[in-house]
Amino acid sequence: MSALARLALACLLVLPVWTTASSLIRTTAFLVEFLGQGRGRPLSAITRSPTVRPLPWPATSAGPSAIDLYASPALRRAPGLVLVHGLSPEGKDEPRLREAAGLLARAGWAVAVPTVTGLAVLRLRPDDAATVGAAVRALRAAGYSPNAVLGVSLGAGPALLAASEPAVAPEVSAVLALGGYASAVELLRYTLTGAFAFADLAGRAPVHEAAIAQFARANTELVDEAGRRLVDNRDPAGFDRLLQALPGPTRALLDALSPGPALAGLRAPLFLVHGRQDPAVPFTETLRLQAAARAAGRPVRAAIVGAVGHVEAGPRSGAFADLVRLWATFYAFQRTGGG
C-alpha cells in the first residue's frame, strides 16, 4: 500500500465523530492530487470544474489591480480564500498558481487570486499588502464569507502584513503561509550568503548567483555603493557589518517588509507549512514566524515536512509521518477558515 493510500486510510480511522465526511474527503483528495505530481487526480474525479471570472475591484480600495475568482458549483455559498502568489512575472496567470487555485476551488473555497504588482516585477514593497486587503474586501463584497488568506513563498509577506492590519484583521478567518518568511533581513542573508539560523539551528546552503543578479537588476534604486558591497558579499561573517552600512531608508524598508513583528495585529489563527529542504526560503523562517506568533499570544500551528520542497511536492513526498502532519495542518486550516 502506498504512503498516500495509507494516509487516506489513517484519516478515516482517526476521525473525530463530529467531523463531516465531505470535509475529510476533500482535504485528503486535495493533498493526494497536489502531491501526486500527475499520478492521480482524485479530487478532480469527484468534483466539477471551477469557473474562472474577474472579481470586481472594491470601490473603497486604491488600484485597480486584476483579481480572478475561481469557484465550483455548490449547494451552499463557499467560504472565501485569497491566494497570494510568490515572485512571478506572470502574477495571477502563472500556470502552477492557476492549477493550485483550481484545486482549492474544487476543495470547497471561492478563491480570489490577485496580481500583486511588486511580486510580479520582483520588487517586493510594503504597499503590496494593500492588494491582498483589497482582495479580501472584494470577496466579502461578492457575498463570500468567512475569508481566509494563503500566502505562497515571498507572497506570505504581504499576506501576513495585510491580515495583521487593523482594517483587515477582523475580516480574516485563518491564514496559511507556505514556504514563507518572518524577517526580510534573514531572507536577504540567506539569499546572499546561504547562511541561515534560528535558536540552536544553523546551516548554509548554496548561493544562486542568477537570482541575486535578477534581484539587483529589479531593485537598482536600492543598490547604491553600500548596497553593491552587500550584494557582492558572500561571507556570512561580513553580512551584519555591511547591512549596517546601508542607508537608513533601505534598512527601514527591510523592517517594513518583515511580517514577524506585525503578527501582534493578527486576529486569525496562523498555520505554517515549510519544506525541510526548501532551497529558496530556509525552514528556520517558519520557526521564526511561529515564535513571533507565540510571543504575541496568537494561535499558531506549524508543520516542517519533507513532503514539500519549496511550494511543490518534495523529494520525500511519500514519507507517511510527513503526510499525516501536512494533512492535519491543512485540514485544521480548512476547518478554521470555514471550509
Protein backbone atom coordinates (compact mmCIF):
# COMPACT_ATOMS: atom_id res chain seq x y z
CA MET A 1 0.00 0.00 0.00
CA SER A 2 1.42 3.41 -0.98
CA ALA A 3 2.04 6.13 1.60
CA LEU A 4 -0.71 8.28 0.08
CA ALA A 5 -3.18 5.40 0.32
CA ARG A 6 -2.15 4.76 3.93
CA LEU A 7 -2.70 8.45 4.64
CA ALA A 8 -6.26 8.23 3.38
CA LEU A 9 -6.89 5.11 5.49
CA ALA A 10 -5.36 6.67 8.61
CA CYS A 11 -7.51 9.78 8.22
CA LEU A 12 -10.62 7.61 8.19
CA LEU A 13 -9.52 5.72 11.31
CA VAL A 14 -8.62 8.75 13.43
CA LEU A 15 -11.62 10.91 12.51
CA PRO A 16 -13.41 12.51 15.45
CA VAL A 17 -17.08 11.62 15.43
CA TRP A 18 -18.10 15.23 14.75
CA THR A 19 -16.06 15.58 11.58
CA THR A 20 -18.07 15.76 8.38
CA ALA A 21 -17.21 13.16 5.81
CA SER A 22 -17.25 15.61 2.91
CA SER A 23 -14.63 17.86 4.51
CA LEU A 24 -12.37 14.87 5.18
CA ILE A 25 -12.71 13.59 1.66
CA ARG A 26 -11.97 16.99 0.10
CA THR A 27 -8.91 17.59 2.26
CA THR A 28 -7.47 14.15 1.62
CA ALA A 29 -8.21 14.21 -2.10
CA PHE A 30 -6.72 17.71 -2.40
CA LEU A 31 -3.41 16.67 -0.83
CA VAL A 32 -3.22 13.42 -2.77
CA GLU A 33 -3.69 15.33 -6.02
CA PHE A 34 -1.41 18.23 -5.02
CA LEU A 35 1.43 15.90 -4.01
CA GLY A 36 0.76 13.27 -6.66
CA GLN A 37 2.51 15.22 -9.45
CA GLY A 38 0.05 13.96 -12.05
CA ARG A 39 -0.03 10.35 -10.82
CA GLY A 40 -3.63 10.62 -9.68
CA ARG A 41 -6.45 13.16 -9.69
CA PRO A 42 -8.97 12.02 -7.08
CA LEU A 43 -10.29 15.50 -6.31
CA SER A 44 -10.83 16.28 -9.96
CA ALA A 45 -12.61 12.97 -10.36
CA ILE A 46 -15.20 13.71 -7.68
CA THR A 47 -15.76 17.45 -8.20
CA ARG A 48 -16.93 19.70 -11.00
CA SER A 49 -14.54 22.04 -12.80
CA PRO A 50 -14.47 25.54 -11.31
CA THR A 51 -15.42 28.58 -13.32
CA VAL A 52 -13.00 31.50 -13.56
CA ARG A 53 -14.20 35.06 -13.84
CA PRO A 54 -12.94 38.55 -12.96
CA LEU A 55 -13.73 39.68 -9.43
CA PRO A 56 -14.63 43.38 -9.29
CA TRP A 57 -12.08 45.56 -7.55
CA PRO A 58 -13.61 47.09 -4.40
CA ALA A 59 -14.58 50.74 -4.83
CA THR A 60 -13.09 51.59 -1.43
CA SER A 61 -9.57 50.47 -2.40
CA ALA A 62 -6.86 52.14 -4.45
CA GLY A 63 -5.97 50.43 -7.70
CA PRO A 64 -7.27 48.85 -9.69
CA SER A 65 -5.45 45.54 -9.95
CA ALA A 66 -6.62 42.33 -11.58
CA ILE A 67 -8.35 39.64 -9.49
CA ASP A 68 -9.59 36.28 -10.77
CA LEU A 69 -12.25 34.33 -8.90
CA TYR A 70 -12.25 30.51 -9.05
CA ALA A 71 -15.47 28.88 -7.81
CA SER A 72 -17.06 25.46 -8.25
CA PRO A 73 -20.82 24.88 -8.38
CA ALA A 74 -22.11 24.02 -4.89
CA LEU A 75 -25.34 23.84 -2.92
CA ARG A 76 -24.08 26.30 -0.32
CA ARG A 77 -22.15 29.55 -0.58
CA ALA A 78 -18.45 28.72 -0.38
CA PRO A 79 -16.13 30.43 2.08
CA GLY A 80 -13.60 32.79 0.52
CA LEU A 81 -9.85 32.35 0.20
CA VAL A 82 -7.30 34.87 -1.08
CA LEU A 83 -4.39 33.06 -2.74
CA VAL A 84 -1.24 35.24 -2.90
CA HIS A 85 1.42 34.22 -5.41
CA GLY A 86 5.19 34.44 -4.90
CA LEU A 87 7.75 36.11 -7.14
CA SER A 88 6.39 35.62 -10.64
CA PRO A 89 6.36 37.90 -13.71
CA GLU A 90 3.10 36.22 -14.73
CA GLY A 91 1.32 37.13 -11.49
CA LYS A 92 -2.10 35.52 -11.19
CA ASP A 93 -1.66 33.86 -14.60
CA GLU A 94 1.31 31.67 -13.62
CA PRO A 95 0.29 28.14 -14.70
CA ARG A 96 1.09 26.34 -11.43
CA LEU A 97 -0.76 29.02 -9.48
CA ARG A 98 -3.80 28.64 -11.72
CA GLU A 99 -3.71 24.88 -11.16
CA ALA A 100 -3.47 25.35 -7.38
CA ALA A 101 -6.35 27.85 -7.41
CA GLY A 102 -8.48 25.37 -9.32
CA LEU A 103 -7.70 22.60 -6.83
CA LEU A 104 -8.52 24.84 -3.88
CA ALA A 105 -11.83 25.75 -5.54
CA ARG A 106 -12.58 22.06 -6.01
CA ALA A 107 -11.77 21.60 -2.29
CA GLY A 108 -14.60 23.96 -1.39
CA TRP A 109 -13.26 27.54 -1.48
CA ALA A 110 -14.18 30.55 -3.57
CA VAL A 111 -10.60 31.51 -4.46
CA ALA A 112 -9.61 35.10 -5.24
CA VAL A 113 -6.23 35.37 -6.98
CA PRO A 114 -4.91 38.93 -7.39
CA THR A 115 -1.80 40.00 -9.25
CA VAL A 116 0.47 41.59 -6.65
CA THR A 117 2.45 44.15 -8.63
CA GLY A 118 5.62 44.15 -6.55
CA LEU A 119 5.87 40.36 -6.65
CA ALA A 120 5.31 40.38 -10.40
CA VAL A 121 8.20 42.79 -11.06
CA LEU A 122 10.49 41.30 -8.36
CA ARG A 123 10.27 44.48 -6.26
CA LEU A 124 8.57 43.48 -3.01
CA ARG A 125 7.27 46.60 -1.24
CA PRO A 126 5.03 47.22 1.83
CA ASP A 127 2.26 48.59 -0.42
CA ASP A 128 1.76 45.09 -1.83
CA ALA A 129 -0.20 44.26 1.32
CA ALA A 130 -2.90 46.68 0.15
CA THR A 131 -3.64 44.42 -2.83
CA VAL A 132 -4.20 41.46 -0.51
CA GLY A 133 -6.50 43.51 1.72
CA ALA A 134 -8.45 44.67 -1.33
CA ALA A 135 -8.93 41.06 -2.44
CA VAL A 136 -10.35 40.19 0.99
CA ARG A 137 -12.81 43.10 0.70
CA ALA A 138 -13.68 42.11 -2.89
CA LEU A 139 -14.64 38.61 -1.73
CA ARG A 140 -16.83 40.00 1.02
CA ALA A 141 -18.48 42.44 -1.40
CA ALA A 142 -19.27 39.50 -3.69
CA GLY A 143 -21.00 37.70 -0.84
CA TYR A 144 -18.30 35.25 0.20
CA SER A 145 -17.59 34.89 3.92
CA PRO A 146 -15.68 33.98 6.06
CA ASN A 147 -12.44 34.72 4.21
CA ALA A 148 -9.06 33.08 4.73
CA VAL A 149 -5.66 34.01 3.27
CA LEU A 150 -3.00 31.69 1.85
CA GLY A 151 0.41 33.20 1.01
CA VAL A 152 2.94 31.30 -1.10
CA SER A 153 6.70 31.82 -0.71
CA LEU A 154 7.54 35.54 -0.66
CA GLY A 155 3.82 36.20 -1.13
CA ALA A 156 3.47 35.18 2.52
CA GLY A 157 5.00 38.57 3.39
CA PRO A 158 2.20 40.79 2.03
CA ALA A 159 -0.36 38.13 3.00
CA LEU A 160 0.67 38.25 6.67
CA LEU A 161 1.14 42.02 6.68
CA ALA A 162 -2.35 42.53 5.23
CA ALA A 163 -4.00 40.04 7.58
CA SER A 164 -2.40 41.86 10.54
CA GLU A 165 -3.63 45.34 9.57
CA PRO A 166 -6.37 46.73 11.85
CA ALA A 167 -8.74 47.34 8.93
CA VAL A 168 -8.35 43.82 7.52
CA ALA A 169 -7.67 41.57 10.53
CA PRO A 170 -11.32 41.34 11.70
CA GLU A 171 -12.35 40.05 8.26
CA VAL A 172 -9.81 37.18 8.12
CA SER A 173 -10.77 33.76 9.48
CA ALA A 174 -7.44 31.92 9.07
CA VAL A 175 -4.02 32.43 7.49
CA LEU A 176 -1.69 29.83 5.98
CA ALA A 177 1.88 30.59 4.90
CA LEU A 178 3.51 28.02 2.61
CA GLY A 179 7.28 28.42 2.45
CA GLY A 180 7.02 31.90 3.96
CA TYR A 181 9.44 34.16 5.81
CA ALA A 182 9.47 36.24 9.00
CA SER A 183 12.47 38.57 8.52
CA ALA A 184 13.49 40.31 5.30
CA VAL A 185 16.98 40.72 6.76
CA GLU A 186 17.35 36.99 7.38
CA LEU A 187 15.94 36.22 3.95
CA LEU A 188 18.50 38.57 2.42
CA ARG A 189 21.27 36.97 4.48
CA TYR A 190 20.27 33.55 3.16
CA THR A 191 19.98 34.74 -0.44
CA LEU A 192 23.40 36.44 -0.46
CA THR A 193 25.45 34.06 1.71
CA GLY A 194 23.44 30.85 2.04
CA ALA A 195 23.60 31.11 5.83
CA PHE A 196 20.53 30.50 7.99
CA ALA A 197 19.99 30.16 11.73
CA PHE A 198 17.35 30.20 14.42
CA ALA A 199 17.78 29.29 18.08
CA ASP A 200 20.22 26.35 18.13
CA LEU A 201 19.70 25.50 14.45
CA ALA A 202 22.14 26.75 11.81
CA GLY A 203 23.30 25.79 8.35
CA ARG A 204 24.47 27.01 5.00
CA ALA A 205 23.12 26.31 1.53
CA PRO A 206 24.45 27.01 -1.97
CA VAL A 207 24.07 30.55 -3.28
CA HIS A 208 22.22 31.10 -6.56
CA GLU A 209 24.05 33.86 -8.40
CA ALA A 210 21.40 34.19 -11.11
CA ALA A 211 18.73 35.01 -8.51
CA ILE A 212 20.98 37.62 -6.89
CA ALA A 213 21.67 39.29 -10.24
CA GLN A 214 17.95 39.31 -11.01
CA PHE A 215 17.20 40.97 -7.66
CA ALA A 216 19.87 43.62 -8.24
CA ARG A 217 18.50 44.46 -11.69
CA ALA A 218 14.95 44.80 -10.37
CA ASN A 219 15.95 46.98 -7.40
CA THR A 220 18.57 49.32 -8.82
CA GLU A 221 17.48 52.21 -6.60
CA LEU A 222 18.44 50.16 -3.53
CA VAL A 223 21.82 49.07 -4.85
CA ASP A 224 23.90 52.19 -4.26
CA GLU A 225 27.57 51.95 -3.30
CA ALA A 226 26.82 50.45 0.11
CA GLY A 227 24.14 48.22 -1.38
CA ARG A 228 26.52 46.95 -4.05
CA ARG A 229 29.08 45.96 -1.38
CA LEU A 230 26.39 43.99 0.43
CA VAL A 231 25.08 42.36 -2.74
CA ASP A 232 28.61 41.34 -3.79
CA ASN A 233 29.43 39.81 -0.39
CA ARG A 234 29.18 36.03 0.10
CA ASP A 235 30.83 35.84 3.52
CA PRO A 236 28.30 35.36 6.37
CA ALA A 237 30.76 36.93 8.82
CA GLY A 238 30.67 40.23 6.93
CA PHE A 239 26.94 40.45 6.37
CA ASP A 240 25.88 42.35 9.51
CA ARG A 241 28.61 44.99 9.15
CA LEU A 242 27.65 45.62 5.52
CA LEU A 243 23.96 45.67 6.43
CA GLN A 244 24.51 48.42 9.00
CA ALA A 245 26.30 50.50 6.35
CA LEU A 246 23.13 50.66 4.22
CA PRO A 247 21.23 53.97 4.15
CA GLY A 248 18.59 54.37 6.85
CA PRO A 249 15.63 54.26 4.42
CA THR A 250 16.86 50.94 2.97
CA ARG A 251 17.13 49.37 6.42
CA ALA A 252 13.70 50.76 7.29
CA LEU A 253 12.30 49.16 4.13
CA LEU A 254 13.67 45.76 5.19
CA ASP A 255 11.96 46.19 8.56
CA ALA A 256 8.69 47.17 6.89
CA LEU A 257 8.82 44.07 4.68
CA SER A 258 9.24 41.74 7.68
CA PRO A 259 5.91 40.21 8.76
CA GLY A 260 7.21 38.70 12.01
CA PRO A 261 6.82 41.83 14.17
CA ALA A 262 3.42 42.60 12.62
CA LEU A 263 1.84 39.37 13.88
CA ALA A 264 0.77 41.11 17.08
CA GLY A 265 -2.05 42.59 14.99
CA LEU A 266 -3.20 39.23 13.63
CA ARG A 267 -6.54 38.02 14.95
CA ALA A 268 -6.94 34.83 12.94
CA PRO A 269 -5.22 31.52 13.74
CA LEU A 270 -1.96 31.09 11.83
CA PHE A 271 -0.95 27.90 10.02
CA LEU A 272 2.57 27.37 8.70
CA VAL A 273 3.91 24.75 6.27
CA HIS A 274 7.53 24.60 5.14
CA GLY A 275 9.73 22.15 3.30
CA ARG A 276 12.64 20.89 5.37
CA GLN A 277 14.91 21.12 2.31
CA ASP A 278 13.41 24.30 0.83
CA PRO A 279 16.11 25.77 -1.47
CA ALA A 280 14.55 29.25 -1.73
CA VAL A 281 13.49 30.15 1.82
CA PRO A 282 15.03 28.30 4.80
CA PHE A 283 12.65 26.44 7.08
CA THR A 284 14.04 28.41 10.01
CA GLU A 285 11.93 31.34 8.79
CA THR A 286 8.78 29.39 9.57
CA LEU A 287 10.19 28.63 13.03
CA ARG A 288 10.82 32.36 13.41
CA LEU A 289 7.21 33.11 12.40
CA GLN A 290 5.96 30.51 14.86
CA ALA A 291 8.00 32.05 17.68
CA ALA A 292 6.77 35.55 16.81
CA ALA A 293 3.14 34.43 16.83
CA ARG A 294 3.56 32.69 20.17
CA ALA A 295 5.28 35.74 21.66
CA ALA A 296 2.30 37.82 20.52
CA GLY A 297 -0.13 35.33 22.07
CA ARG A 298 -1.57 34.27 18.72
CA PRO A 299 -2.68 30.68 17.98
CA VAL A 300 -0.23 29.05 15.59
CA ARG A 301 0.40 25.59 14.16
CA ALA A 302 3.46 24.65 12.10
CA ALA A 303 4.48 21.64 10.02
CA ILE A 304 8.09 21.32 8.80
CA VAL A 305 8.00 18.42 6.36
CA GLY A 306 9.98 16.68 3.66
CA ALA A 307 6.76 16.17 1.70
CA VAL A 308 7.06 19.74 0.37
CA GLY A 309 10.01 21.24 -1.50
CA HIS A 310 9.50 24.98 -1.81
CA VAL A 311 5.86 25.28 -2.86
CA GLU A 312 5.58 21.93 -4.60
CA ALA A 313 5.82 18.24 -3.72
CA GLY A 314 9.20 17.46 -2.18
CA PRO A 315 11.64 14.59 -2.70
CA ARG A 316 10.18 12.76 0.32
CA SER A 317 6.53 13.17 -0.61
CA GLY A 318 5.93 9.52 0.32
CA ALA A 319 7.06 9.84 3.99
CA PHE A 320 3.98 8.76 5.91
CA ALA A 321 4.58 10.80 9.09
CA ASP A 322 5.13 13.94 6.98
CA LEU A 323 1.94 13.32 5.06
CA VAL A 324 -0.07 12.96 8.25
CA ARG A 325 1.37 16.21 9.67
CA LEU A 326 0.69 18.00 6.42
CA TRP A 327 -2.85 16.63 6.23
CA ALA A 328 -3.62 17.58 9.84
CA THR A 329 -2.34 21.14 9.35
CA PHE A 330 -4.20 21.75 6.12
CA TYR A 331 -7.36 20.15 7.48
CA ALA A 332 -7.24 22.39 10.55
CA PHE A 333 -6.72 25.43 8.29
CA GLN A 334 -9.66 24.42 6.14
CA ARG A 335 -11.99 23.88 9.08
CA THR A 336 -10.89 27.06 10.84
CA GLY A 337 -11.18 29.09 7.65
CA GLY A 338 -14.74 27.96 7.08
CA GLY A 339 -14.21 25.21 4.51
